[in-house]
C-alpha atoms as a PDB file:
ATOM      1  CA  MET A   1      17.797 -20.654  19.394  1.00  0.00           C
ATOM      2  CA  ASN A   2      14.616 -19.900  21.359  1.00  0.00           C
ATOM      3  CA  LYS A   3      11.299 -20.905  19.818  1.00  0.00           C
ATOM      4  CA  LEU A   4       9.278 -17.704  19.896  1.00  0.00           C
ATOM      5  CA  LYS A   5       5.564 -17.568  20.727  1.00  0.00           C
ATOM      6  CA  ILE A   6       4.101 -14.947  18.429  1.00  0.00           C
ATOM      7  CA  VAL A   7       0.949 -12.882  18.197  1.00  0.00           C
ATOM      8  CA  PHE A   8       0.626 -11.534  14.647  1.00  0.00           C
ATOM      9  CA  MET A   9      -1.359  -8.341  13.960  1.00  0.00           C
ATOM     10  CA  GLY A  10      -2.376  -7.318  10.444  1.00  0.00           C
ATOM     11  CA  THR A  11      -5.263  -6.749   8.066  1.00  0.00           C
ATOM     12  CA  PRO A  12      -4.600  -6.733   4.265  1.00  0.00           C
ATOM     13  CA  GLU A  13      -3.158  -9.167   1.729  1.00  0.00           C
ATOM     14  CA  PHE A  14       0.359  -7.789   2.297  1.00  0.00           C
ATOM     15  CA  ALA A  15       0.191  -9.019   5.907  1.00  0.00           C
ATOM     16  CA  VAL A  16      -1.070 -12.452   4.815  1.00  0.00           C
ATOM     17  CA  GLY A  17       2.075 -13.021   2.746  1.00  0.00           C
ATOM     18  CA  ILE A  18       4.255 -12.426   5.813  1.00  0.00           C
ATOM     19  CA  LEU A  19       2.099 -14.547   8.138  1.00  0.00           C
ATOM     20  CA  ASP A  20       2.095 -17.398   5.620  1.00  0.00           C
ATOM     21  CA  THR A  21       5.904 -17.384   5.469  1.00  0.00           C
ATOM     22  CA  ILE A  22       6.230 -17.561   9.277  1.00  0.00           C
ATOM     23  CA  LEU A  23       3.764 -20.445   9.399  1.00  0.00           C
ATOM     24  CA  LYS A  24       5.430 -22.410   6.578  1.00  0.00           C
ATOM     25  CA  GLN A  25       8.911 -22.056   8.055  1.00  0.00           C
ATOM     26  CA  ASN A  26       7.567 -23.646  11.256  1.00  0.00           C
ATOM     27  CA  GLN A  27      10.443 -22.374  13.397  1.00  0.00           C
ATOM     28  CA  HIS A  28       8.221 -20.395  15.761  1.00  0.00           C
ATOM     29  CA  GLU A  29       4.665 -20.709  17.064  1.00  0.00           C
ATOM     30  CA  ILE A  30       1.788 -18.419  16.085  1.00  0.00           C
ATOM     31  CA  VAL A  31      -0.327 -18.409  19.254  1.00  0.00           C
ATOM     32  CA  GLY A  32      -2.835 -15.831  18.005  1.00  0.00           C
ATOM     33  CA  VAL A  33      -3.778 -13.388  15.272  1.00  0.00           C
ATOM     34  CA  ILE A  34      -5.274  -9.913  15.763  1.00  0.00           C
ATOM     35  CA  THR A  35      -7.103  -8.319  12.844  1.00  0.00           C
ATOM     36  CA  ALA A  36      -9.703  -5.672  12.019  1.00  0.00           C
ATOM     37  CA  PRO A  37     -13.398  -6.146  12.838  1.00  0.00           C
ATOM     38  CA  ASP A  38     -15.702  -7.270  10.028  1.00  0.00           C
ATOM     39  CA  LYS A  39     -17.344  -4.448   8.107  1.00  0.00           C
ATOM     40  CA  PRO A  40     -19.907  -3.994   5.329  1.00  0.00           C
ATOM     41  CA  ALA A  41     -18.444  -3.357   1.875  1.00  0.00           C
ATOM     42  CA  GLY A  42     -19.540  -2.844  -1.717  1.00  0.00           C
ATOM     43  CA  ARG A  43     -22.910  -1.936  -3.156  1.00  0.00           C
ATOM     44  CA  GLY A  44     -24.737  -4.681  -1.292  1.00  0.00           C
ATOM     45  CA  GLN A  45     -23.013  -3.765   1.982  1.00  0.00           C
ATOM     46  CA  LYS A  46     -22.282  -7.424   2.622  1.00  0.00           C
ATOM     47  CA  ILE A  47     -20.108  -8.162   5.631  1.00  0.00           C
ATOM     48  CA  LYS A  48     -16.469  -8.522   4.540  1.00  0.00           C
ATOM     49  CA  TYR A  49     -13.704 -10.233   6.463  1.00  0.00           C
ATOM     50  CA  SER A  50     -10.158  -8.902   6.386  1.00  0.00           C
ATOM     51  CA  ASP A  51      -7.658 -10.888   4.298  1.00  0.00           C
ATOM     52  CA  VAL A  52      -5.875 -11.863   7.501  1.00  0.00           C
ATOM     53  CA  LYS A  53      -9.104 -13.198   9.065  1.00  0.00           C
ATOM     54  CA  ASP A  54      -9.807 -15.291   5.944  1.00  0.00           C
ATOM     55  CA  TYR A  55      -6.312 -16.754   6.231  1.00  0.00           C
ATOM     56  CA  ALA A  56      -6.640 -17.377   9.980  1.00  0.00           C
ATOM     57  CA  LEU A  57      -9.901 -19.266   9.394  1.00  0.00           C
ATOM     58  CA  GLU A  58      -8.310 -21.315   6.608  1.00  0.00           C
ATOM     59  CA  LYS A  59      -5.349 -22.277   8.807  1.00  0.00           C
ATOM     60  CA  ASN A  60      -7.432 -22.708  11.963  1.00  0.00           C
ATOM     61  CA  LEU A  61      -5.499 -20.031  13.863  1.00  0.00           C
ATOM     62  CA  LYS A  62      -6.960 -18.419  16.968  1.00  0.00           C
ATOM     63  CA  PHE A  63      -7.893 -14.807  16.200  1.00  0.00           C
ATOM     64  CA  LEU A  64      -9.291 -11.738  17.943  1.00  0.00           C
ATOM     65  CA  GLN A  65     -11.017  -8.728  16.348  1.00  0.00           C
ATOM     66  CA  PRO A  66     -11.031  -5.932  18.919  1.00  0.00           C
ATOM     67  CA  THR A  67     -12.753  -2.626  18.186  1.00  0.00           C
ATOM     68  CA  ASN A  68     -10.966  -0.953  21.098  1.00  0.00           C
ATOM     69  CA  LEU A  69      -7.333  -1.907  21.689  1.00  0.00           C
ATOM     70  CA  LYS A  70      -7.463  -0.447  25.210  1.00  0.00           C
ATOM     71  CA  ASP A  71     -10.452  -2.545  26.259  1.00  0.00           C
ATOM     72  CA  LEU A  72      -9.599  -4.443  29.449  1.00  0.00           C
ATOM     73  CA  ASP A  73     -11.268  -7.670  28.290  1.00  0.00           C
ATOM     74  CA  PHE A  74      -9.224  -7.607  25.081  1.00  0.00           C
ATOM     75  CA  LEU A  75      -5.992  -6.905  26.973  1.00  0.00           C
ATOM     76  CA  SER A  76      -6.774  -9.830  29.255  1.00  0.00           C
ATOM     77  CA  GLU A  77      -7.426 -12.160  26.285  1.00  0.00           C
ATOM     78  CA  LEU A  78      -4.244 -10.950  24.595  1.00  0.00           C
ATOM     79  CA  LYS A  79      -2.132 -11.611  27.685  1.00  0.00           C
ATOM     80  CA  ALA A  80      -3.690 -15.060  28.093  1.00  0.00           C
ATOM     81  CA  LEU A  81      -2.288 -16.092  24.693  1.00  0.00           C
ATOM     82  CA  GLY A  82       1.129 -16.269  26.351  1.00  0.00           C
ATOM     83  CA  ALA A  83       3.115 -14.676  23.529  1.00  0.00           C
ATOM     84  CA  ASN A  84       6.638 -13.390  24.098  1.00  0.00           C
ATOM     85  CA  LEU A  85       6.735 -11.387  20.830  1.00  0.00           C
ATOM     86  CA  PHE A  86       4.215  -9.381  18.792  1.00  0.00           C
ATOM     87  CA  ILE A  87       4.619  -8.719  15.050  1.00  0.00           C
ATOM     88  CA  ILE A  88       2.735  -5.904  13.308  1.00  0.00           C
ATOM     89  CA  VAL A  89       2.245  -5.743   9.527  1.00  0.00           C
ATOM     90  CA  ALA A  90      -0.167  -3.149   8.111  1.00  0.00           C
ATOM     91  CA  PHE A  91      -2.387  -2.897  11.167  1.00  0.00           C
ATOM     92  CA  ARG A  92      -3.055   0.233  13.211  1.00  0.00           C
ATOM     93  CA  MET A  93      -1.404   2.310  15.898  1.00  0.00           C
ATOM     94  CA  LEU A  94      -1.117   0.390  19.164  1.00  0.00           C
ATOM     95  CA  PRO A  95      -1.457   1.728  22.707  1.00  0.00           C
ATOM     96  CA  LYS A  96       1.509   1.217  25.019  1.00  0.00           C
ATOM     97  CA  ALA A  97      -0.522  -1.312  27.032  1.00  0.00           C
ATOM     98  CA  VAL A  98      -0.348  -3.572  23.959  1.00  0.00           C
ATOM     99  CA  TRP A  99       3.103  -3.015  22.446  1.00  0.00           C
ATOM    100  CA  SER A 100       4.921  -3.115  25.789  1.00  0.00           C
ATOM    101  CA  MET A 101       3.278  -6.400  26.834  1.00  0.00           C
ATOM    102  CA  PRO A 102       5.538  -9.178  25.419  1.00  0.00           C
ATOM    103  CA  GLU A 103       8.959 -10.073  26.839  1.00  0.00           C
ATOM    104  CA  TYR A 104      10.803  -9.527  23.542  1.00  0.00           C
ATOM    105  CA  GLY A 105       8.822  -6.464  22.529  1.00  0.00           C
ATOM    106  CA  THR A 106       6.753  -5.663  19.450  1.00  0.00           C
ATOM    107  CA  PHE A 107       8.231  -5.124  16.013  1.00  0.00           C
ATOM    108  CA  ASN A 108       6.667  -3.734  12.875  1.00  0.00           C
ATOM    109  CA  LEU A 109       7.408  -4.421   9.223  1.00  0.00           C
ATOM    110  CA  HIS A 110       7.065  -1.217   7.186  1.00  0.00           C
ATOM    111  CA  ALA A 111       7.215  -1.115   3.377  1.00  0.00           C
ATOM    112  CA  SER A 112       9.766   1.683   3.021  1.00  0.00           C
ATOM    113  CA  LEU A 113      13.333   2.581   3.892  1.00  0.00           C
ATOM    114  CA  LEU A 114      12.677   4.455   7.123  1.00  0.00           C
ATOM    115  CA  PRO A 115      12.698   7.242   8.137  1.00  0.00           C
ATOM    116  CA  ASN A 116      11.327   8.108   4.678  1.00  0.00           C
ATOM    117  CA  TYR A 117       7.701   7.284   3.894  1.00  0.00           C
ATOM    118  CA  ARG A 118       6.374   6.858   7.385  1.00  0.00           C
ATOM    119  CA  GLY A 119       2.610   6.566   7.186  1.00  0.00           C
ATOM    120  CA  ALA A 120      -0.265   4.757   5.546  1.00  0.00           C
ATOM    121  CA  ALA A 121       0.723   4.382   1.877  1.00  0.00           C
ATOM    122  CA  PRO A 122       4.510   3.990   1.479  1.00  0.00           C
ATOM    123  CA  ILE A 123       4.407   1.799  -1.632  1.00  0.00           C
ATOM    124  CA  ASN A 124       2.197   4.247  -3.526  1.00  0.00           C
ATOM    125  CA  TRP A 125       4.110   7.384  -2.571  1.00  0.00           C
ATOM    126  CA  ALA A 126       7.515   5.947  -3.462  1.00  0.00           C
ATOM    127  CA  ILE A 127       6.291   5.498  -7.049  1.00  0.00           C
ATOM    128  CA  ILE A 128       4.287   8.747  -7.146  1.00  0.00           C
ATOM    129  CA  ASN A 129       7.420  10.653  -6.120  1.00  0.00           C
ATOM    130  CA  GLY A 130       9.499   8.951  -8.815  1.00  0.00           C
ATOM    131  CA  GLU A 131      11.840   7.062  -6.480  1.00  0.00           C
ATOM    132  CA  THR A 132      14.236   4.587  -8.085  1.00  0.00           C
ATOM    133  CA  LYS A 133      14.590   2.470  -4.952  1.00  0.00           C
ATOM    134  CA  THR A 134      12.592   1.556  -1.867  1.00  0.00           C
ATOM    135  CA  GLY A 135      12.569  -1.369   0.534  1.00  0.00           C
ATOM    136  CA  VAL A 136      11.317  -2.693   3.842  1.00  0.00           C
ATOM    137  CA  THR A 137      12.294  -1.987   7.434  1.00  0.00           C
ATOM    138  CA  THR A 138      11.695  -3.850  10.673  1.00  0.00           C
ATOM    139  CA  PHE A 139      11.710  -1.770  13.849  1.00  0.00           C
ATOM    140  CA  PHE A 140      10.579  -1.937  17.447  1.00  0.00           C
ATOM    141  CA  ILE A 141       7.322  -0.092  18.111  1.00  0.00           C
ATOM    142  CA  ASP A 142       7.322   3.042  20.257  1.00  0.00           C
ATOM    143  CA  ASP A 143       4.643   5.611  21.048  1.00  0.00           C
ATOM    144  CA  LYS A 144       4.779   7.415  17.683  1.00  0.00           C
ATOM    145  CA  ILE A 145       4.039   6.256  14.121  1.00  0.00           C
ATOM    146  CA  ASP A 146       6.909   4.410  12.388  1.00  0.00           C
ATOM    147  CA  THR A 147       9.634   6.091  14.463  1.00  0.00           C
ATOM    148  CA  GLY A 148      11.022   3.221  16.551  1.00  0.00           C
ATOM    149  CA  ALA A 149      14.546   1.800  16.634  1.00  0.00           C
ATOM    150  CA  ILE A 150      15.429   0.011  13.378  1.00  0.00           C
ATOM    151  CA  ILE A 151      16.334  -3.675  13.492  1.00  0.00           C
ATOM    152  CA  LEU A 152      17.132  -4.128   9.794  1.00  0.00           C
ATOM    153  CA  SER A 153      16.355  -2.780   6.316  1.00  0.00           C
ATOM    154  CA  LYS A 154      16.367  -4.427   2.887  1.00  0.00           C
ATOM    155  CA  GLU A 155      16.496  -2.445  -0.351  1.00  0.00           C
ATOM    156  CA  ILE A 156      14.941  -3.048  -3.770  1.00  0.00           C
ATOM    157  CA  ALA A 157      15.033  -1.134  -7.077  1.00  0.00           C
ATOM    158  CA  ILE A 158      11.863   0.336  -8.589  1.00  0.00           C
ATOM    159  CA  SER A 159      11.611   0.022 -12.363  1.00  0.00           C
ATOM    160  CA  GLU A 160      10.345   3.080 -14.213  1.00  0.00           C
ATOM    161  CA  THR A 161       7.344   1.180 -15.604  1.00  0.00           C
ATOM    162  CA  GLU A 162       6.091  -0.903 -12.657  1.00  0.00           C
ATOM    163  CA  ASN A 163       2.943   0.030 -10.799  1.00  0.00           C
ATOM    164  CA  ALA A 164       2.026  -0.124  -7.114  1.00  0.00           C
ATOM    165  CA  GLY A 165       0.508  -3.595  -7.497  1.00  0.00           C
ATOM    166  CA  ASN A 166       3.714  -5.075  -8.916  1.00  0.00           C
ATOM    167  CA  LEU A 167       5.862  -3.369  -6.291  1.00  0.00           C
ATOM    168  CA  HIS A 168       3.492  -4.494  -3.515  1.00  0.00           C
ATOM    169  CA  ASP A 169       3.999  -8.133  -4.522  1.00  0.00           C
ATOM    170  CA  ARG A 170       7.788  -7.823  -4.671  1.00  0.00           C
ATOM    171  CA  LEU A 171       7.932  -6.028  -1.325  1.00  0.00           C
ATOM    172  CA  MET A 172       5.763  -8.739   0.240  1.00  0.00           C
ATOM    173  CA  ILE A 173       8.446 -11.294  -0.689  1.00  0.00           C
ATOM    174  CA  LEU A 174      11.246  -9.003   0.522  1.00  0.00           C
ATOM    175  CA  GLY A 175       9.264  -8.313   3.693  1.00  0.00           C
ATOM    176  CA  SER A 176       8.927 -12.030   4.383  1.00  0.00           C
ATOM    177  CA  GLU A 177      12.717 -12.341   4.183  1.00  0.00           C
ATOM    178  CA  ALA A 178      13.176  -9.353   6.491  1.00  0.00           C
ATOM    179  CA  VAL A 179      10.747 -10.733   9.081  1.00  0.00           C
ATOM    180  CA  SER A 180      12.432 -14.159   8.983  1.00  0.00           C
ATOM    181  CA  GLU A 181      15.855 -12.586   9.550  1.00  0.00           C
ATOM    182  CA  THR A 182      14.469 -10.397  12.327  1.00  0.00           C
ATOM    183  CA  LEU A 183      12.928 -13.417  14.070  1.00  0.00           C
ATOM    184  CA  ASN A 184      16.265 -15.229  13.948  1.00  0.00           C
ATOM    185  CA  LEU A 185      18.060 -12.237  15.470  1.00  0.00           C
ATOM    186  CA  ILE A 186      15.501 -11.962  18.280  1.00  0.00           C
ATOM    187  CA  ALA A 187      15.480 -15.715  18.936  1.00  0.00           C
ATOM    188  CA  LYS A 188      19.296 -15.708  19.195  1.00  0.00           C
ATOM    189  CA  LYS A 189      19.205 -12.513  21.298  1.00  0.00           C
ATOM    190  CA  ASN A 190      21.493 -10.908  18.750  1.00  0.00           C
ATOM    191  CA  VAL A 191      19.570  -7.725  17.893  1.00  0.00           C
ATOM    192  CA  HIS A 192      21.494  -4.469  17.443  1.00  0.00           C
ATOM    193  CA  THR A 193      19.150  -1.581  16.747  1.00  0.00           C
ATOM    194  CA  THR A 194      19.755   1.799  15.112  1.00  0.00           C
ATOM    195  CA  ILE A 195      17.904   4.928  16.211  1.00  0.00           C
ATOM    196  CA  GLN A 196      16.118   6.590  13.273  1.00  0.00           C
ATOM    197  CA  GLU A 197      17.719   9.801  12.092  1.00  0.00           C
ATOM    198  CA  GLU A 198      15.555  12.907  12.072  1.00  0.00           C
ATOM    199  CA  TYR A 199      16.506  15.309   9.303  1.00  0.00           C
ATOM    200  CA  PRO A 200      14.809  18.034   7.237  1.00  0.00           C
ATOM    201  CA  ASN A 201      12.652  16.992   4.282  1.00  0.00           C
ATOM    202  CA  ILE A 202      11.824  13.459   5.392  1.00  0.00           C
ATOM    203  CA  LYS A 203       9.230  12.230   2.885  1.00  0.00           C
ATOM    204  CA  THR A 204       5.822  11.196   4.208  1.00  0.00           C
ATOM    205  CA  ALA A 205       3.435   8.473   2.993  1.00  0.00           C
ATOM    206  CA  TYR A 206       0.203  10.392   3.467  1.00  0.00           C
ATOM    207  CA  LYS A 207      -3.101   8.552   3.567  1.00  0.00           C
ATOM    208  CA  LEU A 208      -4.595   8.385   0.078  1.00  0.00           C
ATOM    209  CA  ASP A 209      -7.859  10.236  -0.491  1.00  0.00           C
ATOM    210  CA  LYS A 210      -9.961  11.509  -3.395  1.00  0.00           C
ATOM    211  CA  GLU A 211      -8.064  14.784  -3.534  1.00  0.00           C
ATOM    212  CA  ASN A 212      -4.499  13.470  -3.720  1.00  0.00           C
ATOM    213  CA  CYS A 213      -5.528  10.796  -6.241  1.00  0.00           C
ATOM    214  CA  LYS A 214      -6.800  13.431  -8.702  1.00  0.00           C
ATOM    215  CA  ILE A 215      -4.588  14.189 -11.691  1.00  0.00           C
ATOM    216  CA  ASP A 216      -3.172  17.713 -11.448  1.00  0.00           C
ATOM    217  CA  PHE A 217      -2.685  19.070 -14.963  1.00  0.00           C
ATOM    218  CA  SER A 218      -0.247  21.700 -13.731  1.00  0.00           C
ATOM    219  CA  LYS A 219       2.208  18.785 -13.298  1.00  0.00           C
ATOM    220  CA  ASN A 220       4.444  17.547 -16.104  1.00  0.00           C
ATOM    221  CA  ALA A 221       4.242  14.282 -18.057  1.00  0.00           C
ATOM    222  CA  ASP A 222       6.638  12.414 -15.747  1.00  0.00           C
ATOM    223  CA  GLU A 223       4.741  13.437 -12.615  1.00  0.00           C
ATOM    224  CA  ILE A 224       1.321  12.525 -14.027  1.00  0.00           C
ATOM    225  CA  TYR A 225       2.608   9.196 -15.323  1.00  0.00           C
ATOM    226  CA  ASN A 226       4.102   8.413 -11.886  1.00  0.00           C
ATOM    227  CA  LEU A 227       0.805   9.282 -10.196  1.00  0.00           C
ATOM    228  CA  ILE A 228      -1.117   6.894 -12.462  1.00  0.00           C
ATOM    229  CA  ARG A 229       1.230   3.945 -11.926  1.00  0.00           C
ATOM    230  CA  GLY A 230       1.623   4.766  -8.228  1.00  0.00           C
ATOM    231  CA  LEU A 231      -2.147   4.435  -7.744  1.00  0.00           C
ATOM    232  CA  SER A 232      -2.658   1.363  -9.935  1.00  0.00           C
ATOM    233  CA  PRO A 233      -4.468  -0.966  -9.512  1.00  0.00           C
ATOM    234  CA  TYR A 234      -5.897   0.678  -6.387  1.00  0.00           C
ATOM    235  CA  PRO A 235      -7.233   3.234  -5.548  1.00  0.00           C
ATOM    236  CA  THR A 236      -6.479   4.583  -9.097  1.00  0.00           C
ATOM    237  CA  ALA A 237      -5.808   8.058 -10.403  1.00  0.00           C
ATOM    238  CA  TRP A 238      -8.800   9.993 -11.728  1.00  0.00           C
ATOM    239  CA  CYS A 239      -9.780  13.100 -13.648  1.00  0.00           C
ATOM    240  CA  ASN A 240     -12.753  14.452 -15.600  1.00  0.00           C
ATOM    241  CA  PHE A 241     -13.394  14.414 -19.347  1.00  0.00           C
ATOM    242  CA  LYS A 242     -15.596  17.184 -20.745  1.00  0.00           C
ATOM    243  CA  ASP A 243     -17.041  17.089 -24.258  1.00  0.00           C
ATOM    244  CA  ASP A 244     -19.300  20.106 -24.925  1.00  0.00           C
ATOM    245  CA  ASP A 245     -22.261  19.575 -22.545  1.00  0.00           C
ATOM    246  CA  LYS A 246     -21.194  16.055 -21.456  1.00  0.00           C
ATOM    247  CA  GLU A 247     -18.869  15.368 -18.543  1.00  0.00           C
ATOM    248  CA  TRP A 248     -17.508  12.132 -17.108  1.00  0.00           C
ATOM    249  CA  ASN A 249     -15.493  11.259 -14.030  1.00  0.00           C
ATOM    250  CA  ILE A 250     -12.987   8.604 -15.105  1.00  0.00           C
ATOM    251  CA  LYS A 251     -10.385   6.364 -13.522  1.00  0.00           C
ATOM    252  CA  ILE A 252      -7.116   5.644 -15.319  1.00  0.00           C
ATOM    253  CA  TYR A 253      -5.518   2.285 -14.532  1.00  0.00           C
ATOM    254  CA  GLU A 254      -2.686   2.070 -16.993  1.00  0.00           C
ATOM    255  CA  ALA A 255      -0.903   4.565 -19.212  1.00  0.00           C
ATOM    256  CA  LYS A 256       2.378   5.266 -20.885  1.00  0.00           C
ATOM    257  CA  LYS A 257       4.140   8.575 -21.326  1.00  0.00           C
ATOM    258  CA  GLU A 258       5.556  10.252 -24.400  1.00  0.00           C
ATOM    259  CA  LEU A 259       7.932  13.113 -23.724  1.00  0.00           C
ATOM    260  CA  PHE A 260       7.454  15.511 -26.616  1.00  0.00           C
ATOM    261  CA  SER A 261       7.324  19.255 -27.189  1.00  0.00           C
ATOM    262  CA  HIS A 262       3.923  20.280 -28.595  1.00  0.00           C
ATOM    263  CA  GLU A 263       1.584  23.232 -29.066  1.00  0.00           C
ATOM    264  CA  TYR A 264      -1.597  21.638 -27.706  1.00  0.00           C
ATOM    265  CA  GLU A 265      -3.496  23.118 -24.802  1.00  0.00           C
ATOM    266  CA  VAL A 266      -2.843  21.182 -21.586  1.00  0.00           C
ATOM    267  CA  GLY A 267      -5.618  18.642 -21.050  1.00  0.00           C
ATOM    268  CA  LYS A 268      -6.687  18.376 -24.689  1.00  0.00           C
ATOM    269  CA  LEU A 269      -7.866  14.880 -25.547  1.00  0.00           C
ATOM    270  CA  ILE A 270      -6.560  13.512 -28.848  1.00  0.00           C
ATOM    271  CA  THR A 271      -8.256  10.358 -30.123  1.00  0.00           C
ATOM    272  CA  THR A 272      -8.065   7.995 -33.073  1.00  0.00           C
ATOM    273  CA  LYS A 273     -10.068   4.797 -33.619  1.00  0.00           C
ATOM    274  CA  LYS A 274      -7.734   2.947 -31.267  1.00  0.00           C
ATOM    275  CA  GLU A 275      -5.978   5.508 -29.097  1.00  0.00           C
ATOM    276  CA  ILE A 276      -6.703   8.110 -26.427  1.00  0.00           C
ATOM    277  CA  LYS A 277      -3.983  10.478 -25.339  1.00  0.00           C
ATOM    278  CA  MET A 278      -3.977  13.605 -23.190  1.00  0.00           C
ATOM    279  CA  ALA A 279      -1.750  16.582 -23.881  1.00  0.00           C
ATOM    280  CA  VAL A 280       0.200  17.517 -20.756  1.00  0.00           C
ATOM    281  CA  LEU A 281       3.209  19.678 -19.957  1.00  0.00           C
ATOM    282  CA  GLY A 282       6.204  18.247 -21.779  1.00  0.00           C
ATOM    283  CA  GLY A 283       4.401  15.502 -23.681  1.00  0.00           C
ATOM    284  CA  PHE A 284       1.430  13.169 -23.824  1.00  0.00           C
ATOM    285  CA  ILE A 285      -0.145  10.566 -21.556  1.00  0.00           C
ATOM    286  CA  HIS A 286      -1.378   7.619 -23.647  1.00  0.00           C
ATOM    287  CA  ILE A 287      -4.273   5.926 -21.820  1.00  0.00           C
ATOM    288  CA  ILE A 288      -4.133   2.136 -22.056  1.00  0.00           C
ATOM    289  CA  SER A 289      -6.965   1.149 -19.682  1.00  0.00           C
ATOM    290  CA  LEU A 290      -9.635   3.201 -17.932  1.00  0.00           C
ATOM    291  CA  GLN A 291     -13.092   3.094 -16.399  1.00  0.00           C
ATOM    292  CA  PHE A 292     -16.082   5.298 -17.187  1.00  0.00           C
ATOM    293  CA  PRO A 293     -18.940   5.791 -14.678  1.00  0.00           C
ATOM    294  CA  GLY A 294     -21.251   2.770 -14.574  1.00  0.00           C
ATOM    295  CA  LYS A 295     -18.962   0.726 -16.825  1.00  0.00           C
ATOM    296  CA  LYS A 296     -16.334  -1.921 -16.190  1.00  0.00           C
ATOM    297  CA  LYS A 297     -12.637  -1.305 -16.590  1.00  0.00           C
ATOM    298  CA  MET A 298     -11.714  -1.535 -20.274  1.00  0.00           C
ATOM    299  CA  LEU A 299      -8.954  -0.928 -22.774  1.00  0.00           C
ATOM    300  CA  ALA A 300      -8.984   2.415 -24.569  1.00  0.00           C
ATOM    301  CA  HIS A 301      -9.759   0.871 -27.955  1.00  0.00           C
ATOM    302  CA  GLU A 302     -12.722  -1.009 -26.424  1.00  0.00           C
ATOM    303  CA  LEU A 303     -14.171   2.241 -25.119  1.00  0.00           C
ATOM    304  CA  LEU A 304     -13.693   3.903 -28.513  1.00  0.00           C
ATOM    305  CA  ASN A 305     -15.878   1.225 -30.126  1.00  0.00           C
ATOM    306  CA  GLY A 306     -18.860   2.680 -28.281  1.00  0.00           C
ATOM    307  CA  ILE A 307     -18.145   6.396 -27.912  1.00  0.00           C
ATOM    308  CA  ASN A 308     -17.037   9.231 -30.167  1.00  0.00           C
ATOM    309  CA  PHE A 309     -15.298  12.247 -28.689  1.00  0.00           C
ATOM    310  CA  SER A 310     -15.481  15.617 -30.418  1.00  0.00           C
ATOM    311  CA  GLU A 311     -12.527  17.890 -31.152  1.00  0.00           C
ATOM    312  CA  ASN A 312     -13.493  19.949 -28.084  1.00  0.00           C
ATOM    313  CA  THR A 313     -12.969  17.179 -25.532  1.00  0.00           C
ATOM    314  CA  HIS A 314     -10.510  17.923 -22.781  1.00  0.00           C
ATOM    315  CA  ALA A 315      -9.422  16.464 -19.461  1.00  0.00           C
ATOM    316  CA  PHE A 316      -9.246  18.407 -16.227  1.00  0.00           C
END
């Protein structure tokens, strides 16, 4: 089996889990890491490193942080690393000058069963759409997003109560297994790829934004519940509470659903000393944890210790 010389490209925690597995197995050599440039974050706008950069510093790995992937100096530095394989995990779209460079090509690990959920947020959208299974796929990069020839896929069940954070962690483990198997196939020159099928109604993992994270009260209890868990713990589902002349923009981190026929107006907030629930189509959404503007995340009963809602309060 050939010992591969790898350049690893990634940014978030998910990518760190995969990189760590490759390093610990010590079957192949990581000759360089490519990650996002540093950027200011948070209220203080302090410079923040990517999770992958933090890991590269900890492990004393050589890393590059290009702002322009077509820059000739960067391409020259990348070539000088002498890699024969590039691995991409949660990075960004690459120009052909990059992905076509190594002898054994460039493969990507994507957190879905392709061709479904191509795009930026596959873990979130699988839960939001109520899927009962998902998985990971390795494929060779081409000139489009997540469309290249599939090397292998691994499937996992989604429980009806887990959130995106839980699924992320399980897929990171599954992804590490998939990358290890893919590396073995490439090292043994035993790769047999499958061209992705194109068919109507392929589901897309759209980039998450303020609009598609907002709770839509025209949806039913199942759909709203799936949105909340599919966006938890980040970036979180949100809506507004209105109580007479007061209005708050709130984030909902955790909830449970109760399927129940009722006569309440959709959006009505029903509270006791310990419970907040919202009337929705086909039932109720019981809020377990939430965040009010200017406050920390808290449990519903903690919030109710310091605020009283009137009978007129509703969510929208």
